[in-house]
Amino acid sequence: MSSQKRRDKEGKNNILSVREKDILKAFVKHLHLKNITSYDRYYKYVKSFLEYLTSLEIDYTTIKPHVIDDYRAFLLSQNAGCARGTVNNRLTRIKSFYQFLIKKQIIFYNPFAQYKGLRRGTIIPKNILSIEDMGKLLDNFSVRTDLDVMMYSMVELLYGSSLRISEVSNIKMDDIDFKAGYVYVTNFKNNEERLRFPLSEVSIKAVKKYITYSRDKIVPEKEREEGRLYPLQGETSHRCLLNRKLKNECKRLGLKEISTHCFRHSSATHMLKKGAGIRAVQALLGHKQLSSTEIYTRVAKEDLKNVVRIFHPREQGGMTDD
């Protein structure tokens, strides 16, 4: 292909028409009039969508709902790599663009009329380690400083009790019953409901070590008097601190990079793989709806598919015995 033809093809795929540029400018002006400050994000997302349509030679004024589904799948694909929340944000802003087109009578049918976005929990979490990799991470967690001792106790609570980082960050000393093997946490997502979670033997050992050797050096005296287990840095600070540590640990151990929420996802998945009932896992995670927990069964089913593919007689060329 000649250089000129290549440029012509790239121009066809990536450069919007004058009509599309004009309607984008009109849309941005409309956002200004409505005092929407994030107009640059609207512009970026709508422009990307129009470029996507141009690459497929689809007129933006005549698209059907299935095109939206295709674009959503494209955003969720491995190449685009958008998270669920990002996809919802993008398509919500594009939906506003089409509402604008309806208002200006540029189109008379809104393809986004029935679009409601991705529901929470409809996509299998990618941020999950296998049982073997989780064991490798926790068994080889580098503990050299008092801060490391604190972080190790936190990750054992995250995994052993399937907790959120927001819940771990707010634990107080009197929330822990070592004798009975429970920790009480405040679930702010459910109207500050106080819930009881079992402690694993490993997490009990890790927290006791932290309290005995490191807590007094890390938690300020005033906060110790208030009974705080961890310093009052806030959920965000704890998450950032742990995520940096996890990034380094995963790189050192040759594991895929994970975040703090990986422990909760992985804990639920691993328990189901080991035979735990879904209702028990639902109770442990504090889910109000069973559908929120069922997402983890889909991960386990993917593993079962592989077992069938590898070991089932019908996948091995027949039923003949040796």
Protein backbone atom coordinates (compact mmCIF):
# COMPACT_ATOMS: atom_id res chain seq x y z
CA MET A 1 0.00 0.00 0.00
CA SER A 2 1.40 3.43 -0.95
CA SER A 3 2.02 6.11 1.68
CA GLN A 4 -0.75 8.26 0.21
CA LYS A 5 -3.28 5.42 0.30
CA ARG A 6 -2.28 4.60 3.85
CA ARG A 7 -2.78 8.22 4.90
CA ASP A 8 -6.14 8.28 3.12
CA LYS A 9 -7.23 5.13 4.97
CA GLU A 10 -6.04 6.44 8.33
CA GLY A 11 -7.78 9.71 7.66
CA LYS A 12 -10.99 7.89 6.85
CA ASN A 13 -10.82 5.91 10.09
CA ASN A 14 -9.60 8.57 12.51
CA ILE A 15 -10.69 12.01 11.31
CA LEU A 16 -14.24 13.14 11.85
CA SER A 17 -16.25 14.82 9.14
CA VAL A 18 -16.99 18.54 9.24
CA ARG A 19 -20.59 17.73 10.16
CA GLU A 20 -19.47 15.62 13.13
CA LYS A 21 -17.00 18.26 14.30
CA ASP A 22 -19.71 20.92 14.14
CA ILE A 23 -22.17 18.86 16.14
CA LEU A 24 -19.49 18.17 18.75
CA LYS A 25 -18.84 21.91 19.11
CA ALA A 26 -22.57 22.54 19.46
CA PHE A 27 -22.78 19.83 22.13
CA VAL A 28 -19.90 21.36 24.12
CA LYS A 29 -21.56 24.79 23.90
CA HIS A 30 -24.77 23.18 25.20
CA LEU A 31 -22.84 21.75 28.17
CA HIS A 32 -21.34 25.17 28.93
CA LEU A 33 -24.81 26.70 29.02
CA LYS A 34 -25.89 24.04 31.50
CA ASN A 35 -22.82 24.83 33.68
CA ILE A 36 -21.42 21.31 33.32
CA THR A 37 -17.74 21.66 34.24
CA SER A 38 -16.59 18.24 33.03
CA TYR A 39 -17.40 19.09 29.41
CA ASP A 40 -13.90 18.01 28.34
CA ARG A 41 -14.66 14.45 29.41
CA TYR A 42 -17.99 14.51 27.56
CA TYR A 43 -16.15 15.74 24.47
CA LYS A 44 -13.46 13.07 24.76
CA TYR A 45 -15.89 10.17 25.18
CA VAL A 46 -18.31 11.28 22.47
CA LYS A 47 -15.42 11.95 20.06
CA SER A 48 -14.04 8.44 20.68
CA PHE A 49 -17.46 6.95 20.02
CA LEU A 50 -17.87 8.90 16.77
CA GLU A 51 -14.40 7.79 15.66
CA TYR A 52 -15.36 4.21 16.44
CA LEU A 53 -18.46 4.56 14.26
CA THR A 54 -16.42 6.18 11.49
CA SER A 55 -13.99 3.25 11.48
CA LEU A 56 -16.98 0.96 10.85
CA GLU A 57 -18.53 3.36 8.34
CA ILE A 58 -21.66 3.80 10.49
CA ASP A 59 -23.59 7.07 10.51
CA TYR A 60 -24.00 8.33 14.09
CA THR A 61 -27.56 9.51 13.37
CA THR A 62 -28.86 6.08 12.35
CA ILE A 63 -27.32 3.65 14.87
CA LYS A 64 -29.39 0.91 16.47
CA PRO A 65 -29.13 -0.41 20.08
CA HIS A 66 -26.99 -3.38 19.01
CA VAL A 67 -24.23 -0.94 18.00
CA ILE A 68 -24.15 0.31 21.59
CA ASP A 69 -23.85 -3.27 22.81
CA ASP A 70 -20.99 -3.86 20.37
CA TYR A 71 -19.21 -0.71 21.55
CA ARG A 72 -19.65 -1.72 25.17
CA ALA A 73 -18.15 -5.12 24.39
CA PHE A 74 -15.27 -3.36 22.61
CA LEU A 75 -14.57 -1.21 25.69
CA LEU A 76 -14.64 -4.28 27.93
CA SER A 77 -12.39 -6.25 25.60
CA GLN A 78 -8.80 -7.00 26.42
CA ASN A 79 -7.55 -4.47 23.88
CA ALA A 80 -9.51 -1.52 25.23
CA GLY A 81 -9.16 -2.66 28.83
CA CYS A 82 -11.80 -0.38 30.38
CA ALA A 83 -13.13 -1.15 33.83
CA ARG A 84 -16.86 -1.56 34.43
CA GLY A 85 -17.20 1.89 36.04
CA THR A 86 -15.33 3.54 33.18
CA VAL A 87 -17.61 1.90 30.63
CA ASN A 88 -20.68 3.16 32.47
CA ASN A 89 -19.23 6.69 32.65
CA ARG A 90 -18.41 6.72 28.95
CA LEU A 91 -21.78 5.45 27.80
CA THR A 92 -23.70 7.72 30.19
CA ARG A 93 -22.04 10.75 28.61
CA ILE A 94 -22.61 9.43 25.10
CA LYS A 95 -26.26 8.91 26.06
CA SER A 96 -26.41 12.61 27.00
CA PHE A 97 -25.09 13.44 23.53
CA TYR A 98 -27.95 11.53 21.91
CA GLN A 99 -30.47 13.23 24.21
CA PHE A 100 -29.03 16.50 22.93
CA LEU A 101 -29.52 15.32 19.33
CA ILE A 102 -33.17 14.52 20.11
CA LYS A 103 -33.66 17.95 21.67
CA LYS A 104 -32.20 19.65 18.59
CA GLN A 105 -34.38 17.43 16.35
CA ILE A 106 -31.31 16.14 14.55
CA ILE A 107 -32.58 12.63 15.21
CA PHE A 108 -36.05 11.41 16.19
CA TYR A 109 -35.15 7.98 17.55
CA ASN A 110 -32.85 7.66 20.57
CA PRO A 111 -30.87 4.38 20.44
CA PHE A 112 -30.00 4.88 24.13
CA ALA A 113 -33.65 5.04 25.22
CA GLN A 114 -33.55 1.57 26.84
CA TYR A 115 -29.90 1.60 27.88
CA LYS A 116 -29.44 1.25 31.66
CA GLY A 117 -25.72 0.58 31.97
CA LEU A 118 -23.83 -2.37 33.40
CA ARG A 119 -25.27 -3.62 36.66
CA ARG A 120 -22.90 -4.08 39.58
CA GLY A 121 -21.75 -7.65 39.84
CA THR A 122 -22.49 -8.71 36.28
CA ILE A 123 -18.84 -9.11 35.32
CA ILE A 124 -16.47 -11.69 36.76
CA PRO A 125 -13.75 -9.93 38.77
CA LYS A 126 -10.37 -10.10 37.09
CA ASN A 127 -8.51 -9.13 40.25
CA ILE A 128 -8.26 -12.66 41.66
CA LEU A 129 -5.26 -14.81 42.52
CA SER A 130 -5.27 -18.59 42.42
CA ILE A 131 -5.10 -20.44 45.74
CA GLU A 132 -1.46 -21.32 45.00
CA ASP A 133 -0.47 -17.74 44.12
CA MET A 134 -2.25 -16.33 47.16
CA GLY A 135 -0.36 -18.79 49.35
CA LYS A 136 2.90 -17.76 47.68
CA LEU A 137 2.19 -14.09 48.36
CA LEU A 138 1.18 -14.47 52.00
CA ASP A 139 3.80 -17.07 52.92
CA ASN A 140 6.59 -14.96 51.43
CA PHE A 141 5.35 -11.50 52.41
CA SER A 142 8.43 -9.40 53.17
CA VAL A 143 8.31 -8.27 56.82
CA ARG A 144 11.33 -6.17 57.74
CA THR A 145 9.95 -3.08 59.46
CA ASP A 146 7.18 -2.28 61.93
CA LEU A 147 5.18 -0.87 59.03
CA ASP A 148 5.58 -4.20 57.21
CA VAL A 149 4.29 -6.01 60.32
CA MET A 150 1.22 -3.75 60.30
CA MET A 151 0.57 -4.27 56.58
CA TYR A 152 0.95 -8.04 56.87
CA SER A 153 -1.66 -8.11 59.67
CA MET A 154 -4.00 -6.07 57.47
CA VAL A 155 -3.71 -8.35 54.42
CA GLU A 156 -4.32 -11.42 56.58
CA LEU A 157 -7.52 -9.77 57.85
CA LEU A 158 -8.53 -8.81 54.30
CA TYR A 159 -8.09 -12.38 53.07
CA GLY A 160 -8.86 -14.42 56.18
CA SER A 161 -12.10 -12.59 57.00
CA SER A 162 -13.05 -11.38 53.48
CA LEU A 163 -13.06 -7.76 54.63
CA ARG A 164 -12.90 -4.48 52.75
CA ILE A 165 -10.00 -2.10 53.34
CA SER A 166 -12.49 0.47 54.69
CA GLU A 167 -13.59 -2.05 57.32
CA VAL A 168 -10.07 -3.06 58.32
CA SER A 169 -8.96 0.58 58.59
CA ASN A 170 -11.61 1.34 61.22
CA ILE A 171 -11.14 -1.68 63.49
CA LYS A 172 -10.64 -0.84 67.18
CA MET A 173 -9.03 -2.97 69.84
CA ASP A 174 -12.34 -3.86 71.50
CA ASP A 175 -13.71 -5.00 68.11
CA ILE A 176 -11.48 -8.06 68.28
CA ASP A 177 -12.39 -11.12 70.36
CA PHE A 178 -9.31 -13.31 70.13
CA LYS A 179 -10.72 -15.95 72.47
CA ALA A 180 -13.91 -16.47 70.48
CA GLY A 181 -12.14 -15.86 67.16
CA TYR A 182 -14.25 -13.00 65.84
CA VAL A 183 -13.78 -9.43 64.67
CA TYR A 184 -16.62 -6.88 64.66
CA VAL A 185 -16.61 -4.34 61.85
CA THR A 186 -18.80 -1.44 60.85
CA ASN A 187 -20.23 -1.83 57.37
CA PHE A 188 -20.79 1.74 56.20
CA LYS A 189 -22.35 0.49 52.96
CA ASN A 190 -25.29 -0.92 54.92
CA ASN A 191 -26.22 2.06 57.09
CA GLU A 192 -23.31 1.57 59.51
CA GLU A 193 -24.48 -1.92 60.41
CA ARG A 194 -22.15 -3.71 62.86
CA LEU A 195 -21.24 -7.19 61.62
CA ARG A 196 -19.30 -10.10 63.11
CA PHE A 197 -16.71 -11.99 61.04
CA PRO A 198 -14.66 -15.05 61.95
CA LEU A 199 -10.90 -14.67 62.35
CA SER A 200 -8.55 -17.22 60.83
CA GLU A 201 -5.81 -18.67 63.03
CA VAL A 202 -3.18 -17.08 60.80
CA SER A 203 -4.77 -13.62 61.00
CA ILE A 204 -5.07 -13.91 64.80
CA LYS A 205 -1.34 -14.68 65.00
CA ALA A 206 -0.48 -11.80 62.63
CA VAL A 207 -2.61 -9.24 64.51
CA LYS A 208 -1.27 -10.34 67.91
CA LYS A 209 2.30 -9.95 66.64
CA TYR A 210 1.49 -6.47 65.36
CA ILE A 211 -0.10 -5.43 68.68
CA THR A 212 2.77 -6.85 70.71
CA TYR A 213 5.73 -5.52 68.74
CA SER A 214 4.71 -2.71 66.38
CA ARG A 215 1.44 -0.97 67.27
CA ASP A 216 2.89 1.32 69.96
CA LYS A 217 5.56 2.50 67.50
CA ILE A 218 3.10 3.29 64.71
CA VAL A 219 -0.15 4.45 66.31
CA PRO A 220 0.07 7.85 68.07
CA GLU A 221 -0.58 7.85 71.81
CA LYS A 222 -3.87 9.74 71.53
CA GLU A 223 -5.19 7.23 68.99
CA ARG A 224 -4.02 4.31 71.14
CA GLU A 225 -6.00 5.80 74.03
CA GLU A 226 -9.03 5.91 71.71
CA GLY A 227 -8.53 2.21 71.12
CA ARG A 228 -7.61 2.31 67.46
CA LEU A 229 -5.92 -0.80 66.09
CA TYR A 230 -4.40 1.03 63.12
CA PRO A 231 -3.36 4.70 62.81
CA LEU A 232 -6.09 7.13 61.86
CA GLN A 233 -4.84 7.69 58.31
CA GLY A 234 -8.12 6.98 56.60
CA GLU A 235 -9.21 4.32 54.13
CA THR A 236 -7.55 6.00 51.14
CA SER A 237 -4.15 6.31 52.83
CA HIS A 238 -4.21 2.69 53.96
CA ARG A 239 -5.25 1.54 50.50
CA CYS A 240 -2.47 3.50 48.79
CA LEU A 241 0.11 2.28 51.29
CA LEU A 242 -0.91 -1.35 50.85
CA ASN A 243 -1.21 -1.11 47.08
CA ARG A 244 2.37 0.16 46.81
CA LYS A 245 3.57 -2.69 49.01
CA LEU A 246 1.55 -5.25 47.05
CA LYS A 247 2.92 -3.97 43.75
CA ASN A 248 6.48 -4.48 44.98
CA GLU A 249 5.73 -7.89 46.51
CA CYS A 250 4.00 -9.20 43.38
CA LYS A 251 6.83 -8.01 41.18
CA ARG A 252 9.40 -9.65 43.47
CA LEU A 253 7.49 -12.95 43.55
CA GLY A 254 6.60 -13.01 39.87
CA LEU A 255 2.84 -12.66 40.43
CA LYS A 256 0.34 -10.52 38.54
CA GLU A 257 -0.18 -7.11 40.11
CA ILE A 258 -3.14 -6.93 42.50
CA SER A 259 -4.87 -4.39 44.74
CA THR A 260 -6.32 -4.56 48.24
CA HIS A 261 -9.75 -5.65 46.97
CA CYS A 262 -8.19 -8.78 45.45
CA PHE A 263 -8.22 -10.42 48.88
CA ARG A 264 -11.98 -10.20 49.30
CA HIS A 265 -12.64 -11.45 45.75
CA SER A 266 -10.09 -14.24 46.07
CA SER A 267 -11.30 -15.32 49.50
CA ALA A 268 -14.87 -15.81 48.27
CA THR A 269 -13.76 -17.66 45.15
CA HIS A 270 -11.38 -19.95 47.02
CA MET A 271 -13.99 -20.92 49.62
CA LEU A 272 -16.48 -21.85 46.90
CA LYS A 273 -13.82 -23.91 45.13
CA LYS A 274 -13.17 -25.76 48.37
CA GLY A 275 -16.86 -26.65 48.70
CA ALA A 276 -18.34 -23.88 50.86
CA GLY A 277 -22.08 -23.28 50.38
CA ILE A 278 -23.01 -20.11 48.57
CA ARG A 279 -25.33 -19.02 51.39
CA ALA A 280 -22.47 -19.29 53.88
CA VAL A 281 -20.22 -17.21 51.63
CA GLN A 282 -23.03 -14.68 51.19
CA ALA A 283 -23.28 -14.31 54.96
CA LEU A 284 -19.52 -13.98 55.32
CA LEU A 285 -19.31 -11.25 52.68
CA GLY A 286 -22.30 -9.43 54.15
CA HIS A 287 -24.17 -9.40 50.83
CA LYS A 288 -27.85 -8.50 51.07
CA GLN A 289 -28.64 -10.11 47.71
CA LEU A 290 -27.56 -13.60 46.71
CA SER A 291 -26.96 -12.34 43.17
CA SER A 292 -24.00 -10.32 44.48
CA THR A 293 -22.37 -13.55 45.68
CA GLU A 294 -23.25 -15.67 42.66
CA ILE A 295 -20.64 -13.83 40.60
CA TYR A 296 -17.96 -15.86 42.37
CA THR A 297 -19.57 -19.15 41.39
CA ARG A 298 -19.06 -18.15 37.76
CA VAL A 299 -15.31 -18.00 38.38
CA ALA A 300 -15.39 -21.50 39.89
CA LYS A 301 -17.42 -22.77 36.93
CA GLU A 302 -14.74 -21.56 34.54
CA ASP A 303 -12.28 -23.78 36.43
CA LEU A 304 -14.68 -26.71 36.17
CA LYS A 305 -14.87 -26.20 32.41
CA ASN A 306 -11.13 -26.67 32.23
CA VAL A 307 -11.34 -29.83 34.33
CA VAL A 308 -13.95 -31.28 31.97
CA ARG A 309 -11.94 -30.24 28.93
CA ILE A 310 -8.81 -31.97 30.23
CA PHE A 311 -10.17 -35.06 31.99
CA HIS A 312 -13.66 -35.92 30.70
CA PRO A 313 -13.70 -39.07 28.48
CA ARG A 314 -15.81 -37.37 25.81
CA GLU A 315 -13.08 -34.73 25.47
CA GLN A 316 -10.40 -37.41 25.11
CA GLY A 317 -11.62 -38.99 21.89
CA GLY A 318 -14.15 -41.56 23.10
CA MET A 319 -15.30 -43.86 25.88
CA THR A 320 -13.06 -46.88 25.26
CA ASP A 321 -11.33 -48.31 28.37
CA ASP A 322 -7.69 -49.35 28.20
